[in-house]
């Protein structure tokens, strides 16, 4: 299921190298967040 332009991304939590866990909701309404997925990183293909 693809997202639509302008649709809010669902909240998620990821580990940070410096500050423990960070979540997308921490930045909602405060900063712009860019999500980038690199499907073929670290693969032979």
PDB file of N, CA and C in Angstrom:
ATOM      1  N   UNK A   1       0.844  -1.170   0.000  1.00  0.00           N
ATOM      2  CA  UNK A   1       0.000   0.000   0.000  1.00  0.00           C
ATOM      3  C   UNK A   1       0.891   1.236   0.000  1.00  0.00           C
ATOM      4  N   UNK A   2       0.799   2.017  -1.030  1.00  0.00           N
ATOM      5  CA  UNK A   2       1.621   3.212  -1.166  1.00  0.00           C
ATOM      6  C   UNK A   2       0.996   4.395  -0.444  1.00  0.00           C
ATOM      7  N   UNK A   3       1.835   5.254   0.078  1.00  0.00           N
ATOM      8  CA  UNK A   3       1.350   6.476   0.702  1.00  0.00           C
ATOM      9  C   UNK A   3       0.998   7.504  -0.356  1.00  0.00           C
ATOM     10  N   UNK A   4       0.235   8.469   0.037  1.00  0.00           N
ATOM     11  CA  UNK A   4      -0.167   9.546  -0.858  1.00  0.00           C
ATOM     12  C   UNK A   4       0.582  10.822  -0.479  1.00  0.00           C
ATOM     13  N   UNK A   5       0.765  11.699  -1.451  1.00  0.00           N
ATOM     14  CA  UNK A   5       1.429  12.976  -1.192  1.00  0.00           C
ATOM     15  C   UNK A   5       0.641  13.735  -0.135  1.00  0.00           C
ATOM     16  N   UNK A   6       1.318  14.215   0.881  1.00  0.00           N
ATOM     17  CA  UNK A   6       0.699  14.978   1.950  1.00  0.00           C
ATOM     18  C   UNK A   6       0.171  14.143   3.105  1.00  0.00           C
ATOM     19  N   UNK A   7       0.170  12.827   2.941  1.00  0.00           N
ATOM     20  CA  UNK A   7      -0.307  11.936   3.997  1.00  0.00           C
ATOM     21  C   UNK A   7       0.736  11.841   5.105  1.00  0.00           C
ATOM     22  N   UNK A   8       0.297  11.847   6.360  1.00  0.00           N
ATOM     23  CA  UNK A   8       1.224  11.715   7.476  1.00  0.00           C
ATOM     24  C   UNK A   8       1.767  10.289   7.542  1.00  0.00           C
ATOM     25  N   UNK A   9       3.052  10.176   7.790  1.00  0.00           N
ATOM     26  CA  UNK A   9       3.676   8.857   7.952  1.00  0.00           C
ATOM     27  C   UNK A   9       3.293   8.300   9.321  1.00  0.00           C
ATOM     28  N   UNK A  10       3.138   6.986   9.423  1.00  0.00           N
ATOM     29  CA  UNK A  10       2.847   6.406  10.738  1.00  0.00           C
ATOM     30  C   UNK A  10       4.044   6.581  11.667  1.00  0.00           C
ATOM     31  N   UNK A  11       3.778   6.691  12.950  1.00  0.00           N
ATOM     32  CA  UNK A  11       4.852   6.854  13.917  1.00  0.00           C
ATOM     33  C   UNK A  11       5.659   5.562  14.020  1.00  0.00           C
ATOM     34  N   UNK A  12       6.957   5.696  14.222  1.00  0.00           N
ATOM     35  CA  UNK A  12       7.831   4.546  14.438  1.00  0.00           C
ATOM     36  C   UNK A  12       8.984   4.978  15.309  1.00  0.00           C
ATOM     37  N   UNK A  13       9.689   4.006  15.862  1.00  0.00           N
ATOM     38  CA  UNK A  13      10.812   4.276  16.758  1.00  0.00           C
ATOM     39  C   UNK A  13      12.036   3.528  16.244  1.00  0.00           C
ATOM     40  N   UNK A  14      13.182   4.201  16.232  1.00  0.00           N
ATOM     41  CA  UNK A  14      14.440   3.610  15.792  1.00  0.00           C
ATOM     42  C   UNK A  14      15.538   3.927  16.803  1.00  0.00           C
ATOM     43  N   UNK A  15      16.543   3.048  16.896  1.00  0.00           N
ATOM     44  CA  UNK A  15      17.665   3.345  17.793  1.00  0.00           C
ATOM     45  C   UNK A  15      18.536   4.456  17.214  1.00  0.00           C
ATOM     46  N   UNK A  16      19.018   5.313  18.077  1.00  0.00           N
ATOM     47  CA  UNK A  16      19.913   6.395  17.688  1.00  0.00           C
ATOM     48  C   UNK A  16      21.323   6.056  18.151  1.00  0.00           C
ATOM     49  N   UNK A  17      22.310   6.515  17.420  1.00  0.00           N
ATOM     50  CA  UNK A  17      23.701   6.283  17.811  1.00  0.00           C
ATOM     51  C   UNK A  17      24.066   7.088  19.060  1.00  0.00           C
ATOM     52  N   UNK A  18      23.320   8.182  19.331  1.00  0.00           N
ATOM     53  CA  UNK A  18      23.699   9.074  20.421  1.00  0.00           C
ATOM     54  C   UNK A  18      22.676   9.193  21.542  1.00  0.00           C
ATOM     55  N   UNK A  19      21.391   9.155  21.227  1.00  0.00           N
ATOM     56  CA  UNK A  19      20.366   9.550  22.195  1.00  0.00           C
ATOM     57  C   UNK A  19      19.363   8.456  22.538  1.00  0.00           C
ATOM     58  N   UNK A  20      19.731   7.208  22.534  1.00  0.00           N
ATOM     59  CA  UNK A  20      18.754   6.147  22.794  1.00  0.00           C
ATOM     60  C   UNK A  20      17.813   6.009  21.615  1.00  0.00           C
ATOM     61  N   UNK A  21      16.535   5.791  21.868  1.00  0.00           N
ATOM     62  CA  UNK A  21      15.564   5.668  20.793  1.00  0.00           C
ATOM     63  C   UNK A  21      15.010   7.045  20.422  1.00  0.00           C
ATOM     64  N   UNK A  22      14.724   7.229  19.134  1.00  0.00           N
ATOM     65  CA  UNK A  22      14.043   8.431  18.669  1.00  0.00           C
ATOM     66  C   UNK A  22      12.826   7.987  17.866  1.00  0.00           C
ATOM     67  N   UNK A  23      11.781   8.789  17.909  1.00  0.00           N
ATOM     68  CA  UNK A  23      10.564   8.449  17.174  1.00  0.00           C
ATOM     69  C   UNK A  23      10.191   9.604  16.260  1.00  0.00           C
ATOM     70  N   UNK A  24       9.453   9.279  15.231  1.00  0.00           N
ATOM     71  CA  UNK A  24       9.017  10.292  14.280  1.00  0.00           C
ATOM     72  C   UNK A  24       8.128  11.326  14.955  1.00  0.00           C
ATOM     73  N   UNK A  25       7.321  10.907  15.915  1.00  0.00           N
ATOM     74  CA  UNK A  25       6.404  11.839  16.585  1.00  0.00           C
ATOM     75  C   UNK A  25       7.144  12.914  17.386  1.00  0.00           C
ATOM     76  N   UNK A  26       8.393  12.678  17.750  1.00  0.00           N
ATOM     77  CA  UNK A  26       9.179  13.697  18.456  1.00  0.00           C
ATOM     78  C   UNK A  26       9.353  14.953  17.613  1.00  0.00           C
ATOM     79  N   UNK A  27       9.334  14.816  16.300  1.00  0.00           N
ATOM     80  CA  UNK A  27       9.620  15.925  15.395  1.00  0.00           C
ATOM     81  C   UNK A  27       8.382  16.481  14.711  1.00  0.00           C
ATOM     82  N   UNK A  28       7.236  15.846  14.893  1.00  0.00           N
ATOM     83  CA  UNK A  28       6.011  16.291  14.219  1.00  0.00           C
ATOM     84  C   UNK A  28       5.666  17.719  14.631  1.00  0.00           C
ATOM     85  N   UNK A  29       5.517  18.574  13.626  1.00  0.00           N
ATOM     86  CA  UNK A  29       5.175  19.969  13.869  1.00  0.00           C
ATOM     87  C   UNK A  29       6.348  20.847  14.250  1.00  0.00           C
ATOM     88  N   UNK A  30       7.552  20.278  14.371  1.00  0.00           N
ATOM     89  CA  UNK A  30       8.724  21.053  14.775  1.00  0.00           C
ATOM     90  C   UNK A  30       9.767  21.153  13.682  1.00  0.00           C
ATOM     91  N   UNK A  31       9.995  20.056  12.976  1.00  0.00           N
ATOM     92  CA  UNK A  31      11.050  20.004  11.963  1.00  0.00           C
ATOM     93  C   UNK A  31      10.560  19.225  10.756  1.00  0.00           C
ATOM     94  N   UNK A  32      11.231  19.417   9.630  1.00  0.00           N
ATOM     95  CA  UNK A  32      10.963  18.602   8.452  1.00  0.00           C
ATOM     96  C   UNK A  32      11.785  17.325   8.575  1.00  0.00           C
ATOM     97  N   UNK A  33      11.180  16.200   8.258  1.00  0.00           N
ATOM     98  CA  UNK A  33      11.867  14.908   8.325  1.00  0.00           C
ATOM     99  C   UNK A  33      11.813  14.272   6.941  1.00  0.00           C
ATOM    100  N   UNK A  34      12.945  13.799   6.466  1.00  0.00           N
ATOM    101  CA  UNK A  34      13.022  13.107   5.179  1.00  0.00           C
ATOM    102  C   UNK A  34      13.313  11.641   5.451  1.00  0.00           C
ATOM    103  N   UNK A  35      12.450  10.764   4.943  1.00  0.00           N
ATOM    104  CA  UNK A  35      12.653   9.326   5.071  1.00  0.00           C
ATOM    105  C   UNK A  35      13.238   8.820   3.767  1.00  0.00           C
ATOM    106  N   UNK A  36      14.318   8.094   3.858  1.00  0.00           N
ATOM    107  CA  UNK A  36      14.985   7.572   2.674  1.00  0.00           C
ATOM    108  C   UNK A  36      15.258   6.086   2.875  1.00  0.00           C
ATOM    109  N   UNK A  37      14.776   5.278   1.952  1.00  0.00           N
ATOM    110  CA  UNK A  37      14.971   3.839   2.034  1.00  0.00           C
ATOM    111  C   UNK A  37      15.903   3.402   0.915  1.00  0.00           C
ATOM    112  N   UNK A  38      16.953   2.683   1.266  1.00  0.00           N
ATOM    113  CA  UNK A  38      17.952   2.221   0.307  1.00  0.00           C
ATOM    114  C   UNK A  38      17.882   0.699   0.260  1.00  0.00           C
ATOM    115  N   UNK A  39      17.015   0.199  -0.584  1.00  0.00           N
ATOM    116  CA  UNK A  39      16.691  -1.218  -0.623  1.00  0.00           C
ATOM    117  C   UNK A  39      17.900  -2.084  -0.930  1.00  0.00           C
ATOM    118  N   UNK A  40      18.765  -1.659  -1.824  1.00  0.00           N
ATOM    119  CA  UNK A  40      19.871  -2.519  -2.249  1.00  0.00           C
ATOM    120  C   UNK A  40      21.198  -2.217  -1.553  1.00  0.00           C
ATOM    121  N   UNK A  41      21.197  -1.386  -0.524  1.00  0.00           N
ATOM    122  CA  UNK A  41      22.449  -1.148   0.227  1.00  0.00           C
ATOM    123  C   UNK A  41      22.898  -2.428   0.909  1.00  0.00           C
ATOM    124  N   UNK A  42      24.166  -2.630   0.932  1.00  0.00           N
ATOM    125  CA  UNK A  42      24.799  -3.783   1.585  1.00  0.00           C
ATOM    126  C   UNK A  42      24.345  -5.126   1.003  1.00  0.00           C
ATOM    127  N   UNK A  43      24.015  -5.142  -0.274  1.00  0.00           N
ATOM    128  CA  UNK A  43      23.677  -6.404  -0.950  1.00  0.00           C
ATOM    129  C   UNK A  43      24.570  -6.532  -2.179  1.00  0.00           C
ATOM    130  N   UNK A  44      24.636  -7.719  -2.693  1.00  0.00           N
ATOM    131  CA  UNK A  44      25.458  -7.973  -3.869  1.00  0.00           C
ATOM    132  C   UNK A  44      24.777  -7.516  -5.153  1.00  0.00           C
ATOM    133  N   UNK A  45      23.476  -7.220  -5.129  1.00  0.00           N
ATOM    134  CA  UNK A  45      22.709  -6.883  -6.339  1.00  0.00           C
ATOM    135  C   UNK A  45      22.665  -5.492  -6.583  1.00  0.00           C
TER     136      UNK A  45
END
